[in-house]
Protein backbone atom coordinates (compact mmCIF):
# COMPACT_ATOMS: atom_id res chain seq x y z
CA MET A 1 58.83 -36.83 63.85
CA LEU A 2 60.09 -38.69 60.83
CA SER A 3 63.72 -39.80 60.85
CA VAL A 4 63.99 -42.15 57.86
CA ALA A 5 64.96 -40.91 54.39
CA PHE A 6 64.92 -42.69 51.04
CA LYS A 7 67.68 -41.79 48.58
CA GLU A 8 66.43 -41.32 45.03
CA TRP A 9 67.40 -39.35 41.93
CA ALA A 10 66.43 -35.71 42.37
CA VAL A 11 64.43 -35.77 39.12
CA ILE A 12 62.33 -38.67 40.43
CA CYS A 13 61.77 -36.79 43.69
CA LYS A 14 60.69 -33.77 41.62
CA ALA A 15 58.26 -35.91 39.58
CA LEU A 16 56.79 -37.29 42.79
CA SER A 17 56.56 -33.79 44.28
CA VAL A 18 54.44 -32.44 41.42
CA GLY A 19 52.18 -35.47 41.05
CA ARG A 20 53.73 -36.65 37.76
CA GLN A 21 54.90 -39.89 39.37
CA SER A 22 52.91 -42.10 41.74
CA ILE A 23 55.14 -45.13 42.20
CA ILE A 24 58.70 -45.84 43.15
CA LEU A 25 60.54 -48.55 41.24
CA ARG A 26 63.46 -49.98 43.14
CA LYS A 27 66.13 -52.58 42.65
CA GLY A 28 68.49 -51.61 45.45
CA GLY A 29 71.72 -49.87 46.27
CA ILE A 30 75.04 -51.66 45.95
CA ALA A 31 75.93 -50.79 49.56
CA GLU A 32 72.85 -52.57 50.90
CA SER A 33 73.06 -55.92 52.62
CA GLY A 34 73.30 -58.49 49.85
CA GLY A 35 72.95 -55.69 47.28
CA THR A 36 69.18 -56.09 47.49
CA PHE A 37 66.55 -53.51 48.37
CA ARG A 38 64.25 -54.34 51.23
CA PRO A 39 61.08 -52.30 51.69
CA GLU A 40 61.79 -51.69 55.39
CA HIS A 41 59.78 -48.52 55.89
CA ASP A 42 56.30 -47.43 54.89
CA ARG A 43 56.82 -43.72 55.56
CA PHE A 44 59.95 -41.70 54.72
CA TRP A 45 61.41 -38.40 53.53
CA LEU A 46 62.52 -38.19 49.91
CA TYR A 47 66.28 -37.58 49.86
CA PRO A 48 67.12 -36.14 46.42
CA THR A 49 70.45 -37.32 45.03
CA PHE A 50 72.34 -36.01 42.05
CA VAL A 51 75.24 -38.47 41.68
CA HIS A 52 73.89 -41.06 39.22
CA GLN A 53 71.11 -38.94 37.79
CA GLN A 54 71.15 -38.74 34.01
CA ALA A 55 68.86 -37.33 31.35
CA GLY A 56 68.96 -40.57 29.37
CA GLY A 57 67.47 -42.45 32.29
CA THR A 58 64.14 -40.66 32.04
CA LYS A 59 61.56 -40.07 29.32
CA PRO A 60 62.24 -37.11 27.00
CA GLU A 61 59.16 -35.30 28.34
CA ALA A 62 60.78 -35.26 31.79
CA ALA A 63 63.53 -32.86 30.65
CA ALA A 64 61.83 -29.88 32.34
CA LEU A 65 61.64 -31.83 35.61
CA LEU A 66 65.35 -32.67 35.35
CA HIS A 67 66.15 -29.00 34.76
CA ALA A 68 63.97 -27.95 37.74
CA ALA A 69 65.54 -30.58 40.01
CA ASN A 70 69.06 -29.48 39.05
CA ALA A 71 68.13 -25.82 39.63
CA GLU A 72 67.18 -26.72 43.22
CA THR A 73 70.51 -28.35 44.06
CA PRO A 74 71.36 -27.35 47.63
CA ALA A 75 74.75 -26.01 48.71
CA PRO A 76 77.51 -28.63 49.07
CA GLY A 77 77.18 -30.57 52.31
CA ARG A 78 73.45 -29.87 52.56
CA ILE A 79 70.36 -31.94 51.78
CA ARG A 80 67.08 -30.29 50.92
CA PHE A 81 63.90 -31.98 52.12
CA GLN A 82 60.37 -30.99 51.25
CA GLU A 83 58.40 -34.18 50.59
CA TYR A 84 57.72 -37.38 52.40
CA VAL A 85 55.76 -40.40 51.21
CA GLU A 86 53.52 -43.06 52.63
CA VAL A 87 53.72 -46.44 50.92
CA GLY A 88 50.33 -47.89 50.04
CA ASP A 89 51.60 -51.33 49.04
CA VAL A 90 54.79 -53.19 48.16
CA ARG A 91 54.89 -55.55 45.21
CA PHE A 92 57.74 -57.48 43.68
CA VAL A 93 57.36 -57.71 39.91
CA ASP A 94 59.21 -60.57 38.24
CA ASN A 95 57.65 -60.11 34.79
CA LEU A 96 59.20 -57.44 32.57
CA ALA A 97 56.02 -56.86 30.55
CA ARG A 98 54.14 -56.19 33.77
CA ALA A 99 56.87 -53.76 34.95
CA LEU A 100 56.72 -51.94 31.61
CA SER A 101 52.91 -51.72 31.83
CA LEU A 102 53.35 -49.18 34.65
CA ASN A 103 54.77 -46.62 32.22
CA GLU A 104 52.11 -43.94 32.84
CA PHE A 105 52.88 -43.83 36.57
CA HIS A 106 56.58 -42.85 36.42
CA ILE A 107 59.16 -40.95 34.36
CA TRP A 108 61.81 -43.68 33.93
CA SER A 109 62.53 -44.48 30.29
CA PRO A 110 61.55 -48.00 29.18
CA GLU A 111 65.27 -48.70 28.68
CA THR A 112 66.01 -47.75 32.29
CA VAL A 113 63.17 -49.92 33.60
CA THR A 114 64.44 -52.85 31.51
CA MET A 115 68.05 -52.33 32.59
CA ARG A 116 67.13 -52.13 36.27
CA PHE A 117 64.74 -55.08 35.96
CA ASN A 118 67.51 -57.27 34.52
CA TYR A 119 70.36 -56.06 36.76
CA ARG A 120 71.87 -58.97 38.72
CA THR A 121 68.62 -60.86 39.33
CA THR A 122 65.40 -60.22 37.44
CA GLY A 123 62.63 -58.20 38.99
CA LEU A 124 61.80 -54.86 40.61
CA TYR A 125 59.96 -53.68 43.67
CA VAL A 126 57.01 -51.41 42.97
CA LEU A 127 55.85 -49.09 45.73
CA PRO A 128 52.65 -47.15 45.06
CA VAL A 129 53.06 -44.04 47.21
CA ARG A 130 51.15 -41.02 48.42
CA VAL A 131 53.32 -37.91 48.46
CA TYR A 132 53.05 -35.12 51.04
CA ARG A 133 54.71 -31.73 50.61
CA MET A 134 55.89 -29.38 53.32
CA PRO A 135 54.93 -25.73 52.71
CA VAL A 136 58.61 -24.70 52.82
CA PRO A 137 61.68 -26.85 52.12
CA PHE A 138 64.28 -27.24 54.81
CA ASP A 139 67.96 -28.11 54.64
CA ALA A 140 69.85 -30.61 56.75
CA ILE A 141 73.58 -31.12 57.09
CA GLU A 142 74.80 -34.12 55.13
CA GLN A 143 76.56 -36.59 57.43
CA PRO A 144 79.34 -38.99 56.33
CA GLU A 145 77.16 -42.01 57.20
CA TYR A 146 74.60 -40.86 54.61
CA ALA A 147 77.11 -41.33 51.76
CA GLY A 148 77.20 -44.24 49.37
CA CYS A 149 74.82 -46.20 47.18
CA LYS A 150 72.26 -47.16 49.74
CA THR A 151 68.55 -46.63 49.90
CA TRP A 152 67.79 -45.92 53.55
CA VAL A 153 69.29 -43.22 55.74
CA GLU A 154 68.53 -42.64 59.43
CA LEU A 155 68.37 -38.89 59.96
CA GLU A 156 69.57 -37.31 63.17
CA PRO A 157 67.51 -35.58 64.29
CA GLY A 158 64.13 -36.54 62.84
CA TYR A 159 61.96 -33.81 61.34
CA ASP A 160 58.37 -32.81 62.02
CA THR A 161 55.84 -33.40 59.22
CA ALA A 162 53.22 -30.98 60.60
CA GLY A 163 51.84 -28.71 57.92
CA ALA A 164 52.44 -31.09 55.02
CA THR A 165 49.65 -31.48 52.49
CA PRO A 166 49.03 -34.26 49.96
CA VAL A 167 50.30 -33.53 46.45
CA LEU A 168 47.23 -35.22 44.92
CA GLY A 169 43.67 -35.09 46.21
CA ASP A 170 42.14 -38.11 47.89
CA ALA A 171 40.02 -39.23 44.91
CA GLU A 172 42.83 -38.87 42.37
CA ASP A 173 45.34 -40.63 44.61
CA THR A 174 42.94 -43.50 45.34
CA ALA A 175 42.13 -43.95 41.64
CA ILE A 176 45.83 -44.09 40.71
CA GLN A 177 46.67 -46.52 43.50
CA GLN A 178 43.82 -48.81 42.42
CA ARG A 179 44.91 -48.73 38.75
CA VAL A 180 48.49 -49.62 39.72
CA ILE A 181 47.36 -52.55 41.86
CA ARG A 182 45.03 -53.82 39.10
CA LEU A 183 47.97 -53.83 36.67
CA LEU A 184 50.05 -55.80 39.16
CA ASP A 185 47.40 -58.39 40.11
């Protein structure tokens, strides 16, 4: 059973779900303690959010992913889950050039990466992840305590991950993870 969820733009969740994105870049939610993200969990459901999502925040070639994510918007008061991730590593990047060098591994626009990097204090967390997809999505009821600009949500109840399969094959995933780490070392 997995009971932790990670709130992220729906388009980023979509990119992760189809293997177009292999890392999560995170600064933190304003409702988090001290306004700073802490990589507290190494395994979590992707919780697609639609509130702050904007086309200008992603690369132009991600427009189809944004359209697909918006087309899958669940009914009001519901959350749709289909993917969970396992974090392979956690790195804090305090060099903007190094953060921008990860461009091939995500769909954020360079402007969004730069803006998030410079917001409040400089730097971003980089989480190389392996994504697993359930054969069929499932909906959960959105609870009031899930609301707000925060990263982590404790789901009640937790959900079984049996039947999930990796989005990328072992060799491809390993190669990507190694390239990301080499860029960060």
